[in-house]
Amino acid sequence: MSGSRSTKTMGGLTIGTLVLTTAYTVALGSNGWLWFAWIVLGLATLGMLSTRDT
């Protein structure tokens, strides 16, 4: 059960980070490091989703 909760938390964090990165890009211009970090976070989330027990 703990794995499911941490996966949901990671997913929420990924979506929240996407929203913040997009807002930063709109307000202040693109920052490649922010997008790189978001991609890494997204890949980590996908990895957690693909290895979770159903």
C-alpha atoms as a PDB file:
ATOM      1  CA  MET A   1       0.000   0.000   0.000  1.00  0.00           C
ATOM      2  CA  SER A   2       2.872   2.359   0.756  1.00  0.00           C
ATOM      3  CA  GLY A   3       4.183   2.004  -2.790  1.00  0.00           C
ATOM      4  CA  SER A   4       0.874   3.143  -4.247  1.00  0.00           C
ATOM      5  CA  ARG A   5       0.809   6.212  -2.032  1.00  0.00           C
ATOM      6  CA  SER A   6       4.376   7.181  -2.918  1.00  0.00           C
ATOM      7  CA  THR A   7       3.621   6.708  -6.626  1.00  0.00           C
ATOM      8  CA  LYS A   8       0.610   9.030  -6.338  1.00  0.00           C
ATOM      9  CA  THR A   9       2.733  11.571  -4.469  1.00  0.00           C
ATOM     10  CA  MET A  10       5.437  11.382  -7.134  1.00  0.00           C
ATOM     11  CA  GLY A  11       2.809  11.837  -9.867  1.00  0.00           C
ATOM     12  CA  GLY A  12       1.368  14.875  -8.103  1.00  0.00           C
ATOM     13  CA  LEU A  13       4.827  16.345  -7.668  1.00  0.00           C
ATOM     14  CA  THR A  14       5.563  15.795 -11.367  1.00  0.00           C
ATOM     15  CA  ILE A  15       2.341  17.526 -12.463  1.00  0.00           C
ATOM     16  CA  GLY A  16       2.906  20.385 -10.009  1.00  0.00           C
ATOM     17  CA  THR A  17       6.452  20.849 -11.249  1.00  0.00           C
ATOM     18  CA  LEU A  18       5.210  20.931 -14.848  1.00  0.00           C
ATOM     19  CA  VAL A  19       2.731  23.678 -13.953  1.00  0.00           C
ATOM     20  CA  LEU A  20       5.391  25.721 -12.140  1.00  0.00           C
ATOM     21  CA  THR A  21       7.937  25.262 -14.939  1.00  0.00           C
ATOM     22  CA  THR A  22       5.368  26.336 -17.528  1.00  0.00           C
ATOM     23  CA  ALA A  23       4.405  29.395 -15.451  1.00  0.00           C
ATOM     24  CA  TYR A  24       8.085  30.342 -15.054  1.00  0.00           C
ATOM     25  CA  THR A  25       8.613  29.980 -18.816  1.00  0.00           C
ATOM     26  CA  VAL A  26       5.596  32.183 -19.612  1.00  0.00           C
ATOM     27  CA  ALA A  27       6.534  34.853 -17.054  1.00  0.00           C
ATOM     28  CA  LEU A  28      10.330  35.012 -17.335  1.00  0.00           C
ATOM     29  CA  GLY A  29      11.366  33.046 -20.407  1.00  0.00           C
ATOM     30  CA  SER A  30      12.585  29.542 -20.989  1.00  0.00           C
ATOM     31  CA  ASN A  31      15.145  27.948 -18.720  1.00  0.00           C
ATOM     32  CA  GLY A  32      16.641  24.749 -20.113  1.00  0.00           C
ATOM     33  CA  TRP A  33      17.715  23.445 -16.691  1.00  0.00           C
ATOM     34  CA  LEU A  34      14.143  23.605 -15.386  1.00  0.00           C
ATOM     35  CA  TRP A  35      12.856  21.624 -18.348  1.00  0.00           C
ATOM     36  CA  PHE A  36      15.717  19.140 -18.032  1.00  0.00           C
ATOM     37  CA  ALA A  37      14.911  18.635 -14.339  1.00  0.00           C
ATOM     38  CA  TRP A  38      11.228  18.152 -15.157  1.00  0.00           C
ATOM     39  CA  ILE A  39      12.057  15.534 -17.794  1.00  0.00           C
ATOM     40  CA  VAL A  40      14.245  13.645 -15.308  1.00  0.00           C
ATOM     41  CA  LEU A  41      11.458  13.804 -12.708  1.00  0.00           C
ATOM     42  CA  GLY A  42       8.935  12.615 -15.292  1.00  0.00           C
ATOM     43  CA  LEU A  43      11.132   9.676 -16.269  1.00  0.00           C
ATOM     44  CA  ALA A  44      11.566   8.736 -12.607  1.00  0.00           C
ATOM     45  CA  THR A  45       7.789   8.834 -12.171  1.00  0.00           C
ATOM     46  CA  LEU A  46       7.290   6.635 -15.238  1.00  0.00           C
ATOM     47  CA  GLY A  47       9.849   4.216 -13.823  1.00  0.00           C
ATOM     48  CA  MET A  48       7.942   4.046 -10.539  1.00  0.00           C
ATOM     49  CA  LEU A  49       4.680   3.477 -12.392  1.00  0.00           C
ATOM     50  CA  SER A  50       6.137   0.695 -14.501  1.00  0.00           C
ATOM     51  CA  THR A  51       7.592  -1.172 -11.510  1.00  0.00           C
ATOM     52  CA  ARG A  52       4.700  -0.879  -9.050  1.00  0.00           C
ATOM     53  CA  ASP A  53       2.738  -3.931  -8.004  1.00  0.00           C
ATOM     54  CA  THR A  54      -0.890  -4.037  -9.143  1.00  0.00           C
END
